[in-house]
Amino acid sequence: TDRCHSSDKRRTEIMDMKGWVLLGADRQEVPVTVYLDQDLVEADLSDVPDVYQDLHWHAPEKYLGDKVSSYGGFLRYRLH
């Protein structure tokens, strides 16, 4: 077809790990440690009862919305 053309979009990478929140099923926040030099977020779950370990991450505003241009990136986190 003659309707195809290259996109002006380029891949961008988000490298800010500040603002990530780990929440339990009861919406209680689990404390996290951010290692900026390693682009890593870590949570110690040793004091979190098993019944509350249905967890999910809440991303900061910077990561929300149309992020197709950052497709293929990595999110580093550690739970122990």
C-alpha atoms as a PDB file:
ATOM      1  CA  THR A   1       0.000   0.000   0.000  1.00  0.00           C
ATOM      2  CA  ASP A   2       1.117   3.591  -0.469  1.00  0.00           C
ATOM      3  CA  ARG A   3      -0.371   4.675   2.896  1.00  0.00           C
ATOM      4  CA  CYS A   4       2.467   3.350   5.055  1.00  0.00           C
ATOM      5  CA  HIS A   5       5.097   5.659   6.488  1.00  0.00           C
ATOM      6  CA  SER A   6       7.552   5.689   9.383  1.00  0.00           C
ATOM      7  CA  SER A   7       6.390   6.923  12.756  1.00  0.00           C
ATOM      8  CA  ASP A   8       7.955   9.931  14.443  1.00  0.00           C
ATOM      9  CA  LYS A   9       7.715   8.143  17.802  1.00  0.00           C
ATOM     10  CA  ARG A  10      10.961   6.982  19.349  1.00  0.00           C
ATOM     11  CA  ARG A  11      11.561   4.676  22.275  1.00  0.00           C
ATOM     12  CA  THR A  12      12.031   6.483  25.577  1.00  0.00           C
ATOM     13  CA  GLU A  13      13.018   5.041  28.911  1.00  0.00           C
ATOM     14  CA  ILE A  14      11.657   6.027  32.316  1.00  0.00           C
ATOM     15  CA  MET A  15      14.417   5.712  34.913  1.00  0.00           C
ATOM     16  CA  ASP A  16      12.761   7.214  38.018  1.00  0.00           C
ATOM     17  CA  MET A  17      11.989   4.702  40.758  1.00  0.00           C
ATOM     18  CA  LYS A  18      10.656   7.249  43.270  1.00  0.00           C
ATOM     19  CA  GLY A  19       6.966   7.090  44.126  1.00  0.00           C
ATOM     20  CA  TRP A  20       6.281   3.356  43.755  1.00  0.00           C
ATOM     21  CA  VAL A  21       3.879   2.080  46.439  1.00  0.00           C
ATOM     22  CA  LEU A  22       3.268  -1.555  47.370  1.00  0.00           C
ATOM     23  CA  LEU A  23      -0.285  -2.170  48.597  1.00  0.00           C
ATOM     24  CA  GLY A  24      -1.892  -5.154  50.264  1.00  0.00           C
ATOM     25  CA  ALA A  25      -5.390  -6.400  49.490  1.00  0.00           C
ATOM     26  CA  ASP A  26      -6.675  -4.220  52.346  1.00  0.00           C
ATOM     27  CA  ARG A  27      -5.082  -1.150  50.640  1.00  0.00           C
ATOM     28  CA  GLN A  28      -2.528  -0.901  53.459  1.00  0.00           C
ATOM     29  CA  GLU A  29       0.843   0.355  52.293  1.00  0.00           C
ATOM     30  CA  VAL A  30       3.819  -1.993  52.677  1.00  0.00           C
ATOM     31  CA  PRO A  31       7.048  -0.052  53.359  1.00  0.00           C
ATOM     32  CA  VAL A  32       9.562  -0.142  50.516  1.00  0.00           C
ATOM     33  CA  THR A  33      13.187   0.875  50.141  1.00  0.00           C
ATOM     34  CA  VAL A  34      14.296   2.580  46.934  1.00  0.00           C
ATOM     35  CA  TYR A  35      17.856   2.048  45.705  1.00  0.00           C
ATOM     36  CA  LEU A  36      18.266   4.859  43.184  1.00  0.00           C
ATOM     37  CA  ASP A  37      21.788   3.778  42.215  1.00  0.00           C
ATOM     38  CA  GLN A  38      20.420   0.350  41.182  1.00  0.00           C
ATOM     39  CA  ASP A  39      17.027   1.478  39.804  1.00  0.00           C
ATOM     40  CA  LEU A  40      15.496  -0.963  42.281  1.00  0.00           C
ATOM     41  CA  VAL A  41      12.554  -0.982  44.706  1.00  0.00           C
ATOM     42  CA  GLU A  42      12.653  -3.507  47.561  1.00  0.00           C
ATOM     43  CA  ALA A  43      10.079  -4.629  50.141  1.00  0.00           C
ATOM     44  CA  ASP A  44      10.691  -6.781  53.212  1.00  0.00           C
ATOM     45  CA  LEU A  45       7.630  -8.996  53.684  1.00  0.00           C
ATOM     46  CA  SER A  46       8.895 -10.826  56.778  1.00  0.00           C
ATOM     47  CA  ASP A  47       6.546  -8.829  59.061  1.00  0.00           C
ATOM     48  CA  VAL A  48       3.561  -9.017  56.702  1.00  0.00           C
ATOM     49  CA  PRO A  49       1.172 -11.872  57.644  1.00  0.00           C
ATOM     50  CA  ASP A  50       0.590 -14.432  54.879  1.00  0.00           C
ATOM     51  CA  VAL A  51      -3.098 -13.539  54.786  1.00  0.00           C
ATOM     52  CA  TYR A  52      -2.162 -10.002  53.661  1.00  0.00           C
ATOM     53  CA  GLN A  53       0.347 -11.006  50.999  1.00  0.00           C
ATOM     54  CA  ASP A  54      -2.023 -10.461  48.073  1.00  0.00           C
ATOM     55  CA  LEU A  55       0.007  -7.470  46.901  1.00  0.00           C
ATOM     56  CA  HIS A  56       0.065  -5.085  43.970  1.00  0.00           C
ATOM     57  CA  TRP A  57       2.181  -2.126  42.895  1.00  0.00           C
ATOM     58  CA  HIS A  58       0.764   1.367  42.523  1.00  0.00           C
ATOM     59  CA  ALA A  59       2.815   3.230  39.926  1.00  0.00           C
ATOM     60  CA  PRO A  60       3.700   6.921  40.228  1.00  0.00           C
ATOM     61  CA  GLU A  61       2.073   9.419  37.850  1.00  0.00           C
ATOM     62  CA  LYS A  62       5.141   9.442  35.600  1.00  0.00           C
ATOM     63  CA  TYR A  63       4.443   5.812  34.590  1.00  0.00           C
ATOM     64  CA  LEU A  64       0.713   6.185  33.885  1.00  0.00           C
ATOM     65  CA  GLY A  65      -1.026   6.821  30.582  1.00  0.00           C
ATOM     66  CA  ASP A  66       0.192   6.101  27.055  1.00  0.00           C
ATOM     67  CA  LYS A  67       3.673   4.647  27.482  1.00  0.00           C
ATOM     68  CA  VAL A  68       3.879   2.703  24.217  1.00  0.00           C
ATOM     69  CA  SER A  69       7.166   4.478  23.518  1.00  0.00           C
ATOM     70  CA  SER A  70       8.755   2.770  26.545  1.00  0.00           C
ATOM     71  CA  TYR A  71       7.684  -0.742  25.471  1.00  0.00           C
ATOM     72  CA  GLY A  72      10.312  -3.379  26.167  1.00  0.00           C
ATOM     73  CA  GLY A  73      11.741  -1.809  29.313  1.00  0.00           C
ATOM     74  CA  PHE A  74      12.273  -3.448  32.680  1.00  0.00           C
ATOM     75  CA  LEU A  75      10.947  -2.861  36.177  1.00  0.00           C
ATOM     76  CA  ARG A  76      13.331  -4.063  38.882  1.00  0.00           C
ATOM     77  CA  TYR A  77      11.920  -4.953  42.277  1.00  0.00           C
ATOM     78  CA  ARG A  78      12.805  -7.386  45.039  1.00  0.00           C
ATOM     79  CA  LEU A  79      10.490  -8.952  47.626  1.00  0.00           C
ATOM     80  CA  HIS A  80      11.885 -10.907  50.556  1.00  0.00           C
END
